[in-house]
Amino acid sequence: MHKPYKDERMMKHKIVWLLIALSALAIGVAAIVLARFSSHHPSDSVLSKNFFDNEDRFNQLVKMATEDSTAVTVSTSYVCLKNSDDWPPYIYLYEDKAWPRTEAELKFSKGRWDEYRSLFRDLNLKIGIDRNKDMPGALFFTASFDSSEIDDTETAITEKGFVYSPKDINDSLTGSLDGIGINRPAIFYKKLNRHWYLYYQWSLGKPE
């Protein structure tokens, strides 16, 4: 008389344990993924030491980028300039391709680019400098970059580095960026001094 009830209860127990096992597996996979990303980036202490040991040269980069106000991105491999004409909106410069305009017209030279890249090497900046349209005046200095394909349409990208901001950053501040558990598009900051911060960003991109 009671066997169907016992079978039903046993089935519920099995389902519960299966759900627990699947949850544990998902947590474990997420932890592995986050640990992998974290291990590919320098620690806060390494970045902080680099900054305070070389603060004058970081400020030199800010001065240069402020003078080169049309430079949206200055990286080790390319430069993106905002076009003063209507079209195209941006001009891309590469070392192994002919530049579309003269240095005088671009108001940017190969010698100037070499100055940037020399400082990038000295400061161990793997990517370079980038501006963020949502943060006018701010400059992002990427020290490390990592990516991992999620599926055929999306790639998870993480990066860590320095931010110069003339305005105080009050949102998304944290005491440590080491091992920070982000698995969605977000950015967090850690303050270094009045205008300087460390940052860690998680974003989505397209597979190459």
Protein backbone atom coordinates (compact mmCIF):
# COMPACT_ATOMS: atom_id res chain seq x y z
CA MET A 1 0.00 0.00 0.00
CA HIS A 2 2.85 2.40 0.84
CA LYS A 3 5.30 1.38 -1.94
CA PRO A 4 4.18 4.04 -4.50
CA TYR A 5 4.68 6.73 -1.84
CA LYS A 6 8.17 5.41 -1.01
CA ASP A 7 9.09 5.29 -4.72
CA GLU A 8 7.89 8.86 -5.17
CA ARG A 9 9.88 10.04 -2.16
CA MET A 10 13.02 8.27 -3.39
CA MET A 11 12.57 9.88 -6.81
CA LYS A 12 12.31 13.33 -5.20
CA HIS A 13 15.50 12.65 -3.22
CA LYS A 14 17.30 11.65 -6.43
CA ILE A 15 16.13 14.80 -8.21
CA VAL A 16 17.26 16.99 -5.30
CA TRP A 17 20.70 15.34 -5.21
CA LEU A 18 20.98 15.66 -8.99
CA LEU A 19 20.22 19.38 -8.79
CA ILE A 20 22.77 19.81 -6.00
CA ALA A 21 25.40 17.97 -8.05
CA LEU A 22 24.68 20.08 -11.14
CA SER A 23 24.88 23.28 -9.11
CA ALA A 24 28.19 22.23 -7.61
CA LEU A 25 29.51 21.43 -11.07
CA ALA A 26 28.40 24.82 -12.41
CA ILE A 27 30.03 26.61 -9.47
CA GLY A 28 33.20 24.61 -9.98
CA VAL A 29 33.37 25.43 -13.69
CA ALA A 30 32.74 29.12 -13.00
CA ALA A 31 35.49 29.11 -10.36
CA ILE A 32 37.93 27.52 -12.80
CA VAL A 33 37.08 30.08 -15.49
CA LEU A 34 37.45 33.01 -13.08
CA ALA A 35 40.68 31.60 -11.68
CA ARG A 36 42.03 31.24 -15.21
CA PHE A 37 41.25 34.85 -16.00
CA SER A 38 42.67 36.08 -12.69
CA SER A 39 45.90 34.15 -13.14
CA HIS A 40 46.53 35.91 -16.46
CA HIS A 41 46.58 39.37 -14.88
CA PRO A 42 49.19 40.98 -12.60
CA SER A 43 48.22 41.50 -8.98
CA ASP A 44 47.19 44.84 -7.53
CA SER A 45 50.47 45.06 -5.63
CA VAL A 46 52.54 44.54 -8.81
CA LEU A 47 50.59 47.21 -10.69
CA SER A 48 50.64 49.62 -7.75
CA LYS A 49 54.42 49.28 -7.39
CA ASN A 50 54.87 49.87 -11.11
CA PHE A 51 52.79 53.04 -10.88
CA PHE A 52 54.42 54.58 -7.81
CA ASP A 53 57.92 53.69 -9.06
CA ASN A 54 57.18 55.38 -12.41
CA GLU A 55 54.55 58.00 -11.64
CA ASP A 56 56.40 60.72 -13.57
CA ARG A 57 56.40 58.65 -16.76
CA PHE A 58 52.72 57.77 -16.38
CA ASN A 59 52.00 61.50 -16.08
CA GLN A 60 54.17 62.08 -19.15
CA LEU A 61 51.88 59.75 -21.11
CA VAL A 62 48.86 61.73 -19.88
CA LYS A 63 50.50 64.96 -21.07
CA MET A 64 51.21 63.44 -24.49
CA ALA A 65 47.69 62.03 -24.87
CA THR A 66 46.21 65.40 -23.86
CA GLU A 67 48.29 67.12 -26.54
CA ASP A 68 47.24 64.47 -29.09
CA SER A 69 43.55 65.12 -28.45
CA THR A 70 42.41 63.46 -31.70
CA ALA A 71 44.04 60.15 -30.72
CA VAL A 72 41.28 57.86 -29.51
CA THR A 73 43.59 54.84 -29.21
CA VAL A 74 47.36 54.62 -29.24
CA SER A 75 48.42 50.99 -29.03
CA THR A 76 51.56 49.04 -29.82
CA SER A 77 50.10 47.84 -33.14
CA TYR A 78 47.86 50.66 -34.42
CA VAL A 79 46.66 54.21 -33.83
CA CYS A 80 43.05 55.39 -34.12
CA LEU A 81 42.54 59.11 -34.78
CA LYS A 82 39.26 60.99 -34.73
CA ASN A 83 38.70 62.41 -38.22
CA SER A 84 38.04 66.15 -38.41
CA ASP A 85 36.14 65.58 -41.67
CA ASP A 86 32.66 64.09 -41.80
CA TRP A 87 33.69 60.70 -43.18
CA PRO A 88 35.11 58.31 -42.21
CA PRO A 89 34.70 59.13 -38.50
CA TYR A 90 38.04 57.52 -37.63
CA ILE A 91 41.40 57.12 -39.33
CA TYR A 92 43.48 54.02 -38.55
CA LEU A 93 47.26 54.02 -38.84
CA TYR A 94 49.41 50.90 -39.09
CA GLU A 95 53.16 50.54 -39.24
CA ASP A 96 53.14 48.14 -42.22
CA LYS A 97 50.59 50.07 -44.29
CA ALA A 98 50.81 53.41 -46.05
CA TRP A 99 49.17 56.19 -44.05
CA PRO A 100 46.18 57.79 -45.83
CA ARG A 101 47.42 61.34 -45.18
CA THR A 102 50.68 63.12 -44.44
CA GLU A 103 51.92 63.48 -40.87
CA ALA A 104 51.26 67.23 -41.07
CA GLU A 105 47.65 66.64 -42.08
CA LEU A 106 47.16 63.97 -39.42
CA LYS A 107 48.95 66.04 -36.75
CA PHE A 108 50.52 62.78 -35.64
CA SER A 109 53.91 61.36 -36.64
CA LYS A 110 55.67 58.00 -36.62
CA GLY A 111 58.27 59.55 -34.34
CA ARG A 112 55.54 60.47 -31.87
CA TRP A 113 54.17 56.92 -32.04
CA ASP A 114 57.63 55.59 -31.25
CA GLU A 115 57.73 57.83 -28.15
CA TYR A 116 54.51 56.25 -26.93
CA ARG A 117 55.70 52.71 -27.62
CA SER A 118 58.98 53.32 -25.83
CA LEU A 119 57.07 54.40 -22.72
CA PHE A 120 54.69 51.44 -23.09
CA ARG A 121 57.69 49.09 -22.99
CA ASP A 122 59.23 50.88 -20.01
CA LEU A 123 55.95 50.78 -18.08
CA ASN A 124 55.06 47.23 -19.11
CA LEU A 125 51.81 48.31 -20.78
CA LYS A 126 50.94 45.43 -23.08
CA ILE A 127 48.27 47.20 -25.15
CA GLY A 128 48.51 50.99 -24.82
CA ILE A 129 46.13 53.90 -24.23
CA ASP A 130 42.42 54.11 -24.95
CA ARG A 131 39.70 56.68 -24.36
CA ASN A 132 36.19 55.88 -23.16
CA LYS A 133 33.37 57.94 -24.66
CA ASP A 134 31.31 57.42 -21.49
CA MET A 135 34.08 59.00 -19.35
CA PRO A 136 35.20 62.26 -21.02
CA GLY A 137 38.79 63.14 -20.14
CA ALA A 138 39.62 59.70 -18.78
CA LEU A 139 42.49 57.62 -20.18
CA PHE A 140 42.74 53.84 -19.85
CA PHE A 141 46.21 52.23 -19.83
CA THR A 142 45.86 48.49 -20.42
CA ALA A 143 48.53 46.43 -18.69
CA SER A 144 47.12 42.97 -19.45
CA PHE A 145 44.46 41.43 -21.66
CA ASP A 146 42.92 37.96 -21.93
CA SER A 147 40.10 36.39 -23.94
CA SER A 148 38.27 33.08 -24.03
CA GLU A 149 35.57 31.93 -26.45
CA ILE A 150 32.19 31.29 -24.85
CA ASP A 151 30.62 29.96 -28.04
CA ASP A 152 30.69 30.61 -31.79
CA THR A 153 29.25 34.11 -31.39
CA GLU A 154 30.75 35.52 -28.19
CA THR A 155 34.14 35.87 -26.52
CA ALA A 156 34.69 36.79 -22.88
CA ILE A 157 37.36 39.49 -22.55
CA THR A 158 39.09 40.59 -19.37
CA GLU A 159 41.62 43.35 -18.97
CA LYS A 160 43.43 45.07 -16.14
CA GLY A 161 45.41 48.26 -15.94
CA PHE A 162 45.43 51.92 -14.94
CA VAL A 163 42.98 54.79 -15.35
CA TYR A 164 43.71 58.49 -15.25
CA SER A 165 40.54 60.50 -14.57
CA PRO A 166 40.41 64.28 -13.97
CA LYS A 167 37.10 63.68 -12.18
CA ASP A 168 36.69 61.47 -9.13
CA ILE A 169 35.42 57.97 -9.83
CA ASN A 170 32.92 57.14 -7.09
CA ASP A 171 31.06 54.20 -8.59
CA SER A 172 32.20 50.56 -8.60
CA LEU A 173 35.12 51.22 -6.24
CA THR A 174 36.57 48.24 -4.41
CA GLY A 175 39.42 47.56 -2.01
CA SER A 176 40.95 44.83 -4.18
CA LEU A 177 40.76 43.70 -7.80
CA ASP A 178 42.67 40.46 -7.16
CA GLY A 179 40.58 37.38 -7.97
CA ILE A 180 37.48 39.52 -8.41
CA GLY A 181 34.55 37.33 -9.43
CA ILE A 182 32.98 38.90 -12.51
CA ASN A 183 31.23 36.84 -15.17
CA ARG A 184 29.15 39.58 -16.78
CA PRO A 185 29.94 42.91 -18.48
CA ALA A 186 31.22 45.16 -15.69
CA ILE A 187 34.17 47.30 -14.61
CA PHE A 188 35.60 47.90 -11.14
CA TYR A 189 38.16 50.40 -9.86
CA LYS A 190 40.67 50.67 -7.04
CA LYS A 191 41.98 54.13 -6.11
CA LEU A 192 45.72 54.83 -6.21
CA ASN A 193 45.80 58.59 -5.64
CA ARG A 194 43.77 61.69 -6.50
CA HIS A 195 43.49 61.11 -10.26
CA TRP A 196 44.75 57.56 -10.71
CA TYR A 197 43.03 54.20 -10.32
CA LEU A 198 43.52 50.55 -11.15
CA TYR A 199 40.74 48.93 -13.15
CA TYR A 200 39.51 45.44 -14.00
CA GLN A 201 36.96 44.97 -16.80
CA TRP A 202 34.90 42.04 -18.07
CA SER A 203 33.29 42.49 -21.48
CA LEU A 204 31.95 40.56 -24.45
CA GLY A 205 33.41 40.55 -27.94
CA LYS A 206 33.23 38.64 -31.19
CA PRO A 207 35.49 35.65 -31.89
CA GLU A 208 38.27 36.47 -34.33
